[in-house]
Amino acid sequence: MRYYSRTKAREYAQEMERIESFCTENGINASRSLDSFYFSINGVKFRVSNHTIEASDRGMRDSLTGEKLRDSYHNHEDDFVCITAGKTRIAEIYTALKNGKELTKRGYVK
């Protein structure tokens, strides 16, 4: 169990509010948990997430029986440029892409 100070909890809540506001202002769609973000720039679709699509879809089948538990969250026909990075970097990554920068799969400028 983790214990956080009130200051840390308040700072985290403020950071999440900033992220949500940034996403709203820039038309970025986010998952309910705010760990995956979807947007397009100049017709190119991007997915920025703290986990891969494969990791996301791993939970759709029971690991022992292989029984399907749920549908895939992602259509593998979707042509996303996937960037794996934490949610606190969404503004940095979006701004770099908007400014024409080429990024690595981890969201850093090449």
PDB file of N, CA and C in Angstrom:
ATOM      1  N   MET A   1       0.846  -1.177   0.000  1.00  0.00           N
ATOM      2  CA  MET A   1       0.000   0.000   0.000  1.00  0.00           C
ATOM      3  C   MET A   1       0.893   1.243   0.000  1.00  0.00           C
ATOM      4  N   ARG A   2       0.541   2.211  -0.808  1.00  0.00           N
ATOM      5  CA  ARG A   2       1.318   3.445  -0.881  1.00  0.00           C
ATOM      6  C   ARG A   2       0.604   4.541  -0.106  1.00  0.00           C
ATOM      7  N   TYR A   3       1.402   5.367   0.515  1.00  0.00           N
ATOM      8  CA  TYR A   3       0.857   6.525   1.210  1.00  0.00           C
ATOM      9  C   TYR A   3       1.438   7.769   0.553  1.00  0.00           C
ATOM     10  N   TYR A   4       0.584   8.706   0.246  1.00  0.00           N
ATOM     11  CA  TYR A   4       1.014   9.943  -0.385  1.00  0.00           C
ATOM     12  C   TYR A   4       0.684  11.114   0.527  1.00  0.00           C
ATOM     13  N   SER A   5       1.546  12.087   0.506  1.00  0.00           N
ATOM     14  CA  SER A   5       1.255  13.292   1.270  1.00  0.00           C
ATOM     15  C   SER A   5       0.133  14.046   0.569  1.00  0.00           C
ATOM     16  N   ARG A   6      -0.518  14.890   1.299  1.00  0.00           N
ATOM     17  CA  ARG A   6      -1.590  15.705   0.691  1.00  0.00           C
ATOM     18  C   ARG A   6      -1.028  16.583  -0.413  1.00  0.00           C
ATOM     19  N   THR A   7       0.187  17.057  -0.212  1.00  0.00           N
ATOM     20  CA  THR A   7       0.820  17.903  -1.229  1.00  0.00           C
ATOM     21  C   THR A   7       1.029  17.117  -2.518  1.00  0.00           C
ATOM     22  N   LYS A   8       1.565  15.902  -2.411  1.00  0.00           N
ATOM     23  CA  LYS A   8       1.781  15.064  -3.599  1.00  0.00           C
ATOM     24  C   LYS A   8       0.460  14.722  -4.276  1.00  0.00           C
ATOM     25  N   ALA A   9      -0.553  14.413  -3.492  1.00  0.00           N
ATOM     26  CA  ALA A   9      -1.868  14.091  -4.055  1.00  0.00           C
ATOM     27  C   ALA A   9      -2.444  15.297  -4.788  1.00  0.00           C
ATOM     28  N   ARG A  10      -2.300  16.483  -4.206  1.00  0.00           N
ATOM     29  CA  ARG A  10      -2.803  17.707  -4.843  1.00  0.00           C
ATOM     30  C   ARG A  10      -2.033  17.991  -6.137  1.00  0.00           C
ATOM     31  N   GLU A  11      -0.702  17.828  -6.097  1.00  0.00           N
ATOM     32  CA  GLU A  11       0.113  18.057  -7.295  1.00  0.00           C
ATOM     33  C   GLU A  11      -0.274  17.092  -8.410  1.00  0.00           C
ATOM     34  N   TYR A  12      -0.513  15.841  -8.055  1.00  0.00           N
ATOM     35  CA  TYR A  12      -0.923  14.843  -9.045  1.00  0.00           C
ATOM     36  C   TYR A  12      -2.275  15.221  -9.649  1.00  0.00           C
ATOM     37  N   ALA A  13      -3.215  15.618  -8.817  1.00  0.00           N
ATOM     38  CA  ALA A  13      -4.543  16.017  -9.308  1.00  0.00           C
ATOM     39  C   ALA A  13      -4.436  17.221 -10.237  1.00  0.00           C
ATOM     40  N   GLN A  14      -3.582  18.175  -9.891  1.00  0.00           N
ATOM     41  CA  GLN A  14      -3.392  19.354 -10.744  1.00  0.00           C
ATOM     42  C   GLN A  14      -2.766  18.968 -12.081  1.00  0.00           C
ATOM     43  N   GLU A  15      -1.801  18.056 -12.053  1.00  0.00           N
ATOM     44  CA  GLU A  15      -1.168  17.592 -13.292  1.00  0.00           C
ATOM     45  C   GLU A  15      -2.189  16.889 -14.184  1.00  0.00           C
ATOM     46  N   MET A  16      -3.050  16.074 -13.600  1.00  0.00           N
ATOM     47  CA  MET A  16      -4.086  15.379 -14.374  1.00  0.00           C
ATOM     48  C   MET A  16      -5.066  16.386 -14.978  1.00  0.00           C
ATOM     49  N   GLU A  17      -5.396  17.428 -14.233  1.00  0.00           N
ATOM     50  CA  GLU A  17      -6.270  18.484 -14.768  1.00  0.00           C
ATOM     51  C   GLU A  17      -5.607  19.184 -15.943  1.00  0.00           C
ATOM     52  N   ARG A  18      -4.297  19.460 -15.830  1.00  0.00           N
ATOM     53  CA  ARG A  18      -3.569  20.105 -16.940  1.00  0.00           C
ATOM     54  C   ARG A  18      -3.576  19.205 -18.178  1.00  0.00           C
ATOM     55  N   ILE A  19      -3.365  17.920 -17.968  1.00  0.00           N
ATOM     56  CA  ILE A  19      -3.365  16.975 -19.086  1.00  0.00           C
ATOM     57  C   ILE A  19      -4.742  16.935 -19.737  1.00  0.00           C
ATOM     58  N   GLU A  20      -5.797  16.830 -18.936  1.00  0.00           N
ATOM     59  CA  GLU A  20      -7.156  16.795 -19.485  1.00  0.00           C
ATOM     60  C   GLU A  20      -7.479  18.076 -20.240  1.00  0.00           C
ATOM     61  N   SER A  21      -7.089  19.227 -19.700  1.00  0.00           N
ATOM     62  CA  SER A  21      -7.334  20.506 -20.377  1.00  0.00           C
ATOM     63  C   SER A  21      -6.582  20.576 -21.698  1.00  0.00           C
ATOM     64  N   PHE A  22      -5.316  20.169 -21.689  1.00  0.00           N
ATOM     65  CA  PHE A  22      -4.512  20.175 -22.907  1.00  0.00           C
ATOM     66  C   PHE A  22      -5.167  19.300 -23.972  1.00  0.00           C
ATOM     67  N   CYS A  23      -5.617  18.125 -23.572  1.00  0.00           N
ATOM     68  CA  CYS A  23      -6.254  17.204 -24.519  1.00  0.00           C
ATOM     69  C   CYS A  23      -7.527  17.814 -25.096  1.00  0.00           C
ATOM     70  N   THR A  24      -8.340  18.410 -24.255  1.00  0.00           N
ATOM     71  CA  THR A  24      -9.583  19.038 -24.710  1.00  0.00           C
ATOM     72  C   THR A  24      -9.285  20.170 -25.685  1.00  0.00           C
ATOM     73  N   GLU A  25      -8.331  21.022 -25.344  1.00  0.00           N
ATOM     74  CA  GLU A  25      -7.969  22.166 -26.186  1.00  0.00           C
ATOM     75  C   GLU A  25      -7.432  21.743 -27.551  1.00  0.00           C
ATOM     76  N   ASN A  26      -6.803  20.573 -27.621  1.00  0.00           N
ATOM     77  CA  ASN A  26      -6.159  20.136 -28.860  1.00  0.00           C
ATOM     78  C   ASN A  26      -6.866  18.989 -29.561  1.00  0.00           C
ATOM     79  N   GLY A  27      -8.067  18.655 -29.108  1.00  0.00           N
ATOM     80  CA  GLY A  27      -8.839  17.606 -29.770  1.00  0.00           C
ATOM     81  C   GLY A  27      -8.227  16.224 -29.649  1.00  0.00           C
ATOM     82  N   ILE A  28      -7.556  15.968 -28.548  1.00  0.00           N
ATOM     83  CA  ILE A  28      -6.921  14.670 -28.310  1.00  0.00           C
ATOM     84  C   ILE A  28      -7.898  13.796 -27.538  1.00  0.00           C
ATOM     85  N   ASN A  29      -8.163  12.608 -28.052  1.00  0.00           N
ATOM     86  CA  ASN A  29      -9.030  11.655 -27.356  1.00  0.00           C
ATOM     87  C   ASN A  29      -8.183  10.843 -26.394  1.00  0.00           C
ATOM     88  N   ALA A  30      -8.724  10.615 -25.200  1.00  0.00           N
ATOM     89  CA  ALA A  30      -7.990   9.857 -24.182  1.00  0.00           C
ATOM     90  C   ALA A  30      -8.826   8.687 -23.695  1.00  0.00           C
ATOM     91  N   SER A  31      -8.139   7.650 -23.249  1.00  0.00           N
ATOM     92  CA  SER A  31      -8.834   6.521 -22.630  1.00  0.00           C
ATOM     93  C   SER A  31      -9.376   6.967 -21.270  1.00  0.00           C
ATOM     94  N   ARG A  32     -10.296   6.183 -20.720  1.00  0.00           N
ATOM     95  CA  ARG A  32     -10.877   6.525 -19.413  1.00  0.00           C
ATOM     96  C   ARG A  32      -9.813   6.674 -18.334  1.00  0.00           C
ATOM     97  N   SER A  33      -8.786   5.867 -18.400  1.00  0.00           N
ATOM     98  CA  SER A  33      -7.739   5.897 -17.374  1.00  0.00           C
ATOM     99  C   SER A  33      -6.650   6.938 -17.662  1.00  0.00           C
ATOM    100  N   LEU A  34      -6.795   7.660 -18.754  1.00  0.00           N
ATOM    101  CA  LEU A  34      -5.806   8.660 -19.182  1.00  0.00           C
ATOM    102  C   LEU A  34      -4.412   8.051 -19.345  1.00  0.00           C
ATOM    103  N   ASP A  35      -4.355   6.823 -19.871  1.00  0.00           N
ATOM    104  CA  ASP A  35      -3.031   6.260 -20.134  1.00  0.00           C
ATOM    105  C   ASP A  35      -2.792   6.009 -21.620  1.00  0.00           C
ATOM    106  N   SER A  36      -3.803   6.261 -22.452  1.00  0.00           N
ATOM    107  CA  SER A  36      -3.651   6.172 -23.907  1.00  0.00           C
ATOM    108  C   SER A  36      -4.322   7.382 -24.543  1.00  0.00           C
ATOM    109  N   PHE A  37      -3.651   7.956 -25.537  1.00  0.00           N
ATOM    110  CA  PHE A  37      -4.140   9.164 -26.197  1.00  0.00           C
ATOM    111  C   PHE A  37      -4.127   8.955 -27.703  1.00  0.00           C
ATOM    112  N   TYR A  38      -5.159   9.469 -28.376  1.00  0.00           N
ATOM    113  CA  TYR A  38      -5.317   9.281 -29.815  1.00  0.00           C
ATOM    114  C   TYR A  38      -5.576  10.633 -30.471  1.00  0.00           C
ATOM    115  N   PHE A  39      -4.841  10.906 -31.556  1.00  0.00           N
ATOM    116  CA  PHE A  39      -5.022  12.153 -32.293  1.00  0.00           C
ATOM    117  C   PHE A  39      -4.438  11.988 -33.681  1.00  0.00           C
ATOM    118  N   SER A  40      -4.753  12.935 -34.557  1.00  0.00           N
ATOM    119  CA  SER A  40      -4.133  12.915 -35.880  1.00  0.00           C
ATOM    120  C   SER A  40      -3.588  14.300 -36.190  1.00  0.00           C
ATOM    121  N   ILE A  41      -2.495  14.295 -36.912  1.00  0.00           N
ATOM    122  CA  ILE A  41      -1.851  15.525 -37.362  1.00  0.00           C
ATOM    123  C   ILE A  41      -1.554  15.340 -38.840  1.00  0.00           C
ATOM    124  N   ASN A  42      -2.078  16.243 -39.657  1.00  0.00           N
ATOM    125  CA  ASN A  42      -1.880  16.184 -41.108  1.00  0.00           C
ATOM    126  C   ASN A  42      -2.243  14.820 -41.685  1.00  0.00           C
ATOM    127  N   GLY A  43      -3.328  14.244 -41.200  1.00  0.00           N
ATOM    128  CA  GLY A  43      -3.817  12.974 -41.719  1.00  0.00           C
ATOM    129  C   GLY A  43      -3.125  11.735 -41.177  1.00  0.00           C
ATOM    130  N   VAL A  44      -2.122  11.912 -40.340  1.00  0.00           N
ATOM    131  CA  VAL A  44      -1.420  10.774 -39.736  1.00  0.00           C
ATOM    132  C   VAL A  44      -2.004  10.546 -38.344  1.00  0.00           C
ATOM    133  N   LYS A  45      -2.421   9.293 -38.073  1.00  0.00           N
ATOM    134  CA  LYS A  45      -3.015   8.963 -36.778  1.00  0.00           C
ATOM    135  C   LYS A  45      -1.928   8.512 -35.802  1.00  0.00           C
ATOM    136  N   PHE A  46      -2.008   9.037 -34.590  1.00  0.00           N
ATOM    137  CA  PHE A  46      -1.034   8.709 -33.553  1.00  0.00           C
ATOM    138  C   PHE A  46      -1.724   8.105 -32.339  1.00  0.00           C
ATOM    139  N   ARG A  47      -1.009   7.211 -31.675  1.00  0.00           N
ATOM    140  CA  ARG A  47      -1.424   6.646 -30.391  1.00  0.00           C
ATOM    141  C   ARG A  47      -0.235   6.804 -29.458  1.00  0.00           C
ATOM    142  N   VAL A  48      -0.438   7.536 -28.367  1.00  0.00           N
ATOM    143  CA  VAL A  48       0.597   7.693 -27.348  1.00  0.00           C
ATOM    144  C   VAL A  48       0.072   7.005 -26.100  1.00  0.00           C
ATOM    145  N   SER A  49       0.827   6.035 -25.604  1.00  0.00           N
ATOM    146  CA  SER A  49       0.358   5.260 -24.463  1.00  0.00           C
ATOM    147  C   SER A  49       1.528   4.762 -23.630  1.00  0.00           C
ATOM    148  N   ASN A  50       1.228   4.452 -22.373  1.00  0.00           N
ATOM    149  CA  ASN A  50       2.274   3.903 -21.512  1.00  0.00           C
ATOM    150  C   ASN A  50       2.415   2.395 -21.686  1.00  0.00           C
ATOM    151  N   HIS A  51       1.664   1.821 -22.631  1.00  0.00           N
ATOM    152  CA  HIS A  51       1.757   0.387 -22.918  1.00  0.00           C
ATOM    153  C   HIS A  51       1.500   0.157 -24.409  1.00  0.00           C
ATOM    154  N   THR A  52       1.963  -0.962 -24.918  1.00  0.00           N
ATOM    155  CA  THR A  52       1.784  -1.283 -26.334  1.00  0.00           C
ATOM    156  C   THR A  52       0.381  -1.823 -26.595  1.00  0.00           C
ATOM    157  N   ILE A  53      -0.015  -1.859 -27.862  1.00  0.00           N
ATOM    158  CA  ILE A  53      -1.302  -2.444 -28.244  1.00  0.00           C
ATOM    159  C   ILE A  53      -1.315  -3.920 -27.870  1.00  0.00           C
ATOM    160  N   GLU A  54      -0.197  -4.592 -28.076  1.00  0.00           N
ATOM    161  CA  GLU A  54      -0.114  -6.017 -27.738  1.00  0.00           C
ATOM    162  C   GLU A  54      -0.347  -6.238 -26.245  1.00  0.00           C
ATOM    163  N   ALA A  55       0.240  -5.396 -25.413  1.00  0.00           N
ATOM    164  CA  ALA A  55       0.038  -5.520 -23.966  1.00  0.00           C
ATOM    165  C   ALA A  55      -1.413  -5.239 -23.603  1.00  0.00           C
ATOM    166  N   SER A  56      -2.013  -4.285 -24.285  1.00  0.00           N
ATOM    167  CA  SER A  56      -3.415  -3.953 -24.035  1.00  0.00           C
ATOM    168  C   SER A  56      -4.327  -5.120 -24.376  1.00  0.00           C
ATOM    169  N   ASP A  57      -4.030  -5.777 -25.479  1.00  0.00           N
ATOM    170  CA  ASP A  57      -4.887  -6.872 -25.937  1.00  0.00           C
ATOM    171  C   ASP A  57      -4.572  -8.211 -25.265  1.00  0.00           C
ATOM    172  N   ARG A  58      -3.493  -8.286 -24.510  1.00  0.00           N
ATOM    173  CA  ARG A  58      -3.131  -9.528 -23.832  1.00  0.00           C
ATOM    174  C   ARG A  58      -4.242 -10.022 -22.910  1.00  0.00           C
ATOM    175  N   GLY A  59      -4.971  -9.103 -22.306  1.00  0.00           N
ATOM    176  CA  GLY A  59      -6.023  -9.467 -21.363  1.00  0.00           C
ATOM    177  C   GLY A  59      -7.326  -9.893 -21.994  1.00  0.00           C
ATOM    178  N   MET A  60      -7.389  -9.970 -23.319  1.00  0.00           N
ATOM    179  CA  MET A  60      -8.654 -10.336 -23.955  1.00  0.00           C
ATOM    180  C   MET A  60      -8.908 -11.841 -23.936  1.00  0.00           C
ATOM    181  N   ARG A  61      -7.881 -12.638 -23.605  1.00  0.00           N
ATOM    182  CA  ARG A  61      -8.041 -14.101 -23.524  1.00  0.00           C
ATOM    183  C   ARG A  61      -7.528 -14.607 -22.183  1.00  0.00           C
ATOM    184  N   ASP A  62      -8.178 -15.620 -21.663  1.00  0.00           N
ATOM    185  CA  ASP A  62      -7.733 -16.263 -20.434  1.00  0.00           C
ATOM    186  C   ASP A  62      -6.370 -16.900 -20.696  1.00  0.00           C
ATOM    187  N   SER A  63      -5.405 -16.645 -19.831  1.00  0.00           N
ATOM    188  CA  SER A  63      -4.040 -17.132 -20.065  1.00  0.00           C
ATOM    189  C   SER A  63      -3.927 -18.653 -19.983  1.00  0.00           C
ATOM    190  N   LEU A  64      -4.840 -19.314 -19.299  1.00  0.00           N
ATOM    191  CA  LEU A  64      -4.780 -20.776 -19.185  1.00  0.00           C
ATOM    192  C   LEU A  64      -5.608 -21.486 -20.246  1.00  0.00           C
ATOM    193  N   THR A  65      -6.833 -21.032 -20.446  1.00  0.00           N
ATOM    194  CA  THR A  65      -7.739 -21.736 -21.361  1.00  0.00           C
ATOM    195  C   THR A  65      -7.739 -21.164 -22.765  1.00  0.00           C
ATOM    196  N   GLY A  66      -7.311 -19.913 -22.909  1.00  0.00           N
ATOM    197  CA  GLY A  66      -7.366 -19.263 -24.215  1.00  0.00           C
ATOM    198  C   GLY A  66      -8.749 -18.743 -24.549  1.00  0.00           C
ATOM    199  N   GLU A  67      -9.688 -18.910 -23.618  1.00  0.00           N
ATOM    200  CA  GLU A  67     -11.063 -18.452 -23.832  1.00  0.00           C
ATOM    201  C   GLU A  67     -11.089 -16.933 -23.964  1.00  0.00           C
ATOM    202  N   LYS A  68     -11.855 -16.466 -24.944  1.00  0.00           N
ATOM    203  CA  LYS A  68     -11.972 -15.034 -25.181  1.00  0.00           C
ATOM    204  C   LYS A  68     -12.806 -14.407 -24.067  1.00  0.00           C
ATOM    205  N   LEU A  69     -12.240 -13.427 -23.379  1.00  0.00           N
ATOM    206  CA  LEU A  69     -12.914 -12.757 -22.273  1.00  0.00           C
ATOM    207  C   LEU A  69     -13.583 -11.458 -22.703  1.00  0.00           C
ATOM    208  N   ARG A  70     -13.011 -10.823 -23.700  1.00  0.00           N
ATOM    209  CA  ARG A  70     -13.541  -9.549 -24.196  1.00  0.00           C
ATOM    210  C   ARG A  70     -13.018  -9.332 -25.600  1.00  0.00           C
ATOM    211  N   ASP A  71     -13.569  -8.328 -26.275  1.00  0.00           N
ATOM    212  CA  ASP A  71     -13.081  -7.969 -27.601  1.00  0.00           C
ATOM    213  C   ASP A  71     -11.771  -7.193 -27.472  1.00  0.00           C
ATOM    214  N   SER A  72     -11.034  -7.179 -28.555  1.00  0.00           N
ATOM    215  CA  SER A  72      -9.811  -6.396 -28.620  1.00  0.00           C
ATOM    216  C   SER A  72     -10.168  -4.923 -28.487  1.00  0.00           C
ATOM    217  N   TYR A  73      -9.328  -4.180 -27.778  1.00  0.00           N
ATOM    218  CA  TYR A  73      -9.555  -2.742 -27.668  1.00  0.00           C
ATOM    219  C   TYR A  73      -9.191  -2.018 -28.958  1.00  0.00           C
ATOM    220  N   HIS A  74      -8.391  -2.656 -29.777  1.00  0.00           N
ATOM    221  CA  HIS A  74      -7.866  -1.984 -30.960  1.00  0.00           C
ATOM    222  C   HIS A  74      -8.119  -2.819 -32.204  1.00  0.00           C
ATOM    223  N   ASN A  75      -8.457  -2.135 -33.270  1.00  0.00           N
ATOM    224  CA  ASN A  75      -8.594  -2.774 -34.567  1.00  0.00           C
ATOM    225  C   ASN A  75      -7.200  -2.778 -35.183  1.00  0.00           C
ATOM    226  N   HIS A  76      -6.642  -3.952 -35.394  1.00  0.00           N
ATOM    227  CA  HIS A  76      -5.269  -4.015 -35.900  1.00  0.00           C
ATOM    228  C   HIS A  76      -5.146  -3.516 -37.336  1.00  0.00           C
ATOM    229  N   GLU A  77      -6.274  -3.227 -37.969  1.00  0.00           N
ATOM    230  CA  GLU A  77      -6.221  -2.628 -39.299  1.00  0.00           C
ATOM    231  C   GLU A  77      -5.998  -1.125 -39.201  1.00  0.00           C
ATOM    232  N   ASP A  78      -6.238  -0.567 -38.010  1.00  0.00           N
ATOM    233  CA  ASP A  78      -5.996   0.858 -37.831  1.00  0.00           C
ATOM    234  C   ASP A  78      -4.517   1.131 -38.054  1.00  0.00           C
ATOM    235  N   ASP A  79      -4.243   2.207 -38.753  1.00  0.00           N
ATOM    236  CA  ASP A  79      -2.867   2.535 -39.089  1.00  0.00           C
ATOM    237  C   ASP A  79      -2.388   3.653 -38.167  1.00  0.00           C
ATOM    238  N   PHE A  80      -2.033   3.301 -36.941  1.00  0.00           N
ATOM    239  CA  PHE A  80      -1.542   4.268 -35.974  1.00  0.00           C
ATOM    240  C   PHE A  80      -0.027   4.276 -35.965  1.00  0.00           C
ATOM    241  N   VAL A  81       0.542   5.450 -35.773  1.00  0.00           N
ATOM    242  CA  VAL A  81       1.943   5.545 -35.397  1.00  0.00           C
ATOM    243  C   VAL A  81       1.911   5.457 -33.879  1.00  0.00           C
ATOM    244  N   CYS A  82       2.518   4.412 -33.334  1.00  0.00           N
ATOM    245  CA  CYS A  82       2.461   4.172 -31.889  1.00  0.00           C
ATOM    246  C   CYS A  82       3.708   4.702 -31.202  1.00  0.00           C
ATOM    247  N   ILE A  83       3.486   5.467 -30.152  1.00  0.00           N
ATOM    248  CA  ILE A  83       4.564   6.001 -29.328  1.00  0.00           C
ATOM    249  C   ILE A  83       4.305   5.529 -27.904  1.00  0.00           C
ATOM    250  N   THR A  84       5.313   4.936 -27.294  1.00  0.00           N
ATOM    251  CA  THR A  84       5.180   4.456 -25.921  1.00  0.00           C
ATOM    252  C   THR A  84       5.825   5.470 -24.986  1.00  0.00           C
ATOM    253  N   ALA A  85       4.985   6.134 -24.198  1.00  0.00           N
ATOM    254  CA  ALA A  85       5.461   7.158 -23.265  1.00  0.00           C
ATOM    255  C   ALA A  85       4.387   7.395 -22.213  1.00  0.00           C
ATOM    256  N   GLY A  86       4.785   7.919 -21.089  1.00  0.00           N
ATOM    257  CA  GLY A  86       3.855   8.209 -20.004  1.00  0.00           C
ATOM    258  C   GLY A  86       2.967   9.401 -20.303  1.00  0.00           C
ATOM    259  N   LYS A  87       1.843   9.450 -19.598  1.00  0.00           N
ATOM    260  CA  LYS A  87       0.846  10.487 -19.835  1.00  0.00           C
ATOM    261  C   LYS A  87       1.346  11.898 -19.558  1.00  0.00           C
ATOM    262  N   THR A  88       2.324  12.052 -18.690  1.00  0.00           N
ATOM    263  CA  THR A  88       2.803  13.399 -18.386  1.00  0.00           C
ATOM    264  C   THR A  88       3.585  14.008 -19.544  1.00  0.00           C
ATOM    265  N   ARG A  89       3.888  13.207 -20.572  1.00  0.00           N
ATOM    266  CA  ARG A  89       4.640  13.707 -21.729  1.00  0.00           C
ATOM    267  C   ARG A  89       3.759  14.012 -22.931  1.00  0.00           C
ATOM    268  N   ILE A  90       2.430  13.867 -22.809  1.00  0.00           N
ATOM    269  CA  ILE A  90       1.555  14.041 -23.970  1.00  0.00           C
ATOM    270  C   ILE A  90       1.692  15.437 -24.586  1.00  0.00           C
ATOM    271  N   ALA A  91       1.758  16.484 -23.784  1.00  0.00           N
ATOM    272  CA  ALA A  91       1.870  17.843 -24.328  1.00  0.00           C
ATOM    273  C   ALA A  91       3.185  18.019 -25.087  1.00  0.00           C
ATOM    274  N   GLU A  92       4.271  17.531 -24.510  1.00  0.00           N
ATOM    275  CA  GLU A  92       5.594  17.610 -25.151  1.00  0.00           C
ATOM    276  C   GLU A  92       5.595  16.874 -26.493  1.00  0.00           C
ATOM    277  N   ILE A  93       5.040  15.680 -26.518  1.00  0.00           N
ATOM    278  CA  ILE A  93       5.025  14.857 -27.730  1.00  0.00           C
ATOM    279  C   ILE A  93       4.123  15.475 -28.789  1.00  0.00           C
ATOM    280  N   TYR A  94       2.927  15.878 -28.403  1.00  0.00           N
ATOM    281  CA  TYR A  94       1.986  16.476 -29.349  1.00  0.00           C
ATOM    282  C   TYR A  94       2.581  17.743 -29.963  1.00  0.00           C
ATOM    283  N   THR A  95       3.158  18.587 -29.129  1.00  0.00           N
ATOM    284  CA  THR A  95       3.737  19.845 -29.607  1.00  0.00           C
ATOM    285  C   THR A  95       4.892  19.584 -30.573  1.00  0.00           C
ATOM    286  N   ALA A  96       5.743  18.629 -30.256  1.00  0.00           N
ATOM    287  CA  ALA A  96       6.865  18.295 -31.148  1.00  0.00           C
ATOM    288  C   ALA A  96       6.350  17.810 -32.500  1.00  0.00           C
ATOM    289  N   LEU A  97       5.351  16.935 -32.479  1.00  0.00           N
ATOM    290  CA  LEU A  97       4.782  16.431 -33.738  1.00  0.00           C
ATOM    291  C   LEU A  97       4.116  17.559 -34.519  1.00  0.00           C
ATOM    292  N   LYS A  98       3.398  18.420 -33.829  1.00  0.00           N
ATOM    293  CA  LYS A  98       2.718  19.552 -34.469  1.00  0.00           C
ATOM    294  C   LYS A  98       3.737  20.479 -35.134  1.00  0.00           C
ATOM    295  N   ASN A  99       4.931  20.565 -34.537  1.00  0.00           N
ATOM    296  CA  ASN A  99       5.993  21.416 -35.080  1.00  0.00           C
ATOM    297  C   ASN A  99       6.845  20.705 -36.125  1.00  0.00           C
ATOM    298  N   GLY A 100       6.402  19.510 -36.554  1.00  0.00           N
ATOM    299  CA  GLY A 100       7.075  18.799 -37.631  1.00  0.00           C
ATOM    300  C   GLY A 100       8.283  17.979 -37.227  1.00  0.00           C
ATOM    301  N   LYS A 101       8.496  17.796 -35.946  1.00  0.00           N
ATOM    302  CA  LYS A 101       9.643  17.006 -35.482  1.00  0.00           C
ATOM    303  C   LYS A 101       9.383  15.522 -35.718  1.00  0.00           C
ATOM    304  N   GLU A 102      10.440  14.786 -35.993  1.00  0.00           N
ATOM    305  CA  GLU A 102      10.356  13.336 -36.116  1.00  0.00           C
ATOM    306  C   GLU A 102      10.748  12.747 -34.765  1.00  0.00           C
ATOM    307  N   LEU A 103       9.927  11.815 -34.268  1.00  0.00           N
ATOM    308  CA  LEU A 103      10.156  11.260 -32.939  1.00  0.00           C
ATOM    309  C   LEU A 103      10.494   9.777 -32.996  1.00  0.00           C
ATOM    310  N   THR A 104      11.170   9.309 -31.954  1.00  0.00           N
ATOM    311  CA  THR A 104      11.436   7.881 -31.805  1.00  0.00           C
ATOM    312  C   THR A 104      10.162   7.205 -31.302  1.00  0.00           C
ATOM    313  N   LYS A 105      10.181   5.883 -31.213  1.00  0.00           N
ATOM    314  CA  LYS A 105       9.023   5.146 -30.705  1.00  0.00           C
ATOM    315  C   LYS A 105       8.782   5.423 -29.228  1.00  0.00           C
ATOM    316  N   ARG A 106       9.739   6.039 -28.557  1.00  0.00           N
ATOM    317  CA  ARG A 106       9.593   6.417 -27.146  1.00  0.00           C
ATOM    318  C   ARG A 106       9.225   7.894 -26.989  1.00  0.00           C
ATOM    319  N   GLY A 107       9.044   8.589 -28.123  1.00  0.00           N
ATOM    320  CA  GLY A 107       8.571   9.967 -28.078  1.00  0.00           C
ATOM    321  C   GLY A 107       9.635  11.031 -27.922  1.00  0.00           C
ATOM    322  N   TYR A 108      10.878  10.677 -28.192  1.00  0.00           N
ATOM    323  CA  TYR A 108      11.960  11.658 -28.116  1.00  0.00           C
ATOM    324  C   TYR A 108      12.325  12.126 -29.520  1.00  0.00           C
ATOM    325  N   VAL A 109      12.715  13.395 -29.643  1.00  0.00           N
ATOM    326  CA  VAL A 109      13.103  13.948 -30.943  1.00  0.00           C
ATOM    327  C   VAL A 109      14.343  13.214 -31.431  1.00  0.00           C
ATOM    328  N   LYS A 110      14.283  12.784 -32.720  1.00  0.00           N
ATOM    329  CA  LYS A 110      15.432  12.066 -33.318  1.00  0.00           C
ATOM    330  C   LYS A 110      16.576  13.022 -33.554  1.00  0.00           C
TER     331      LYS A 110
END
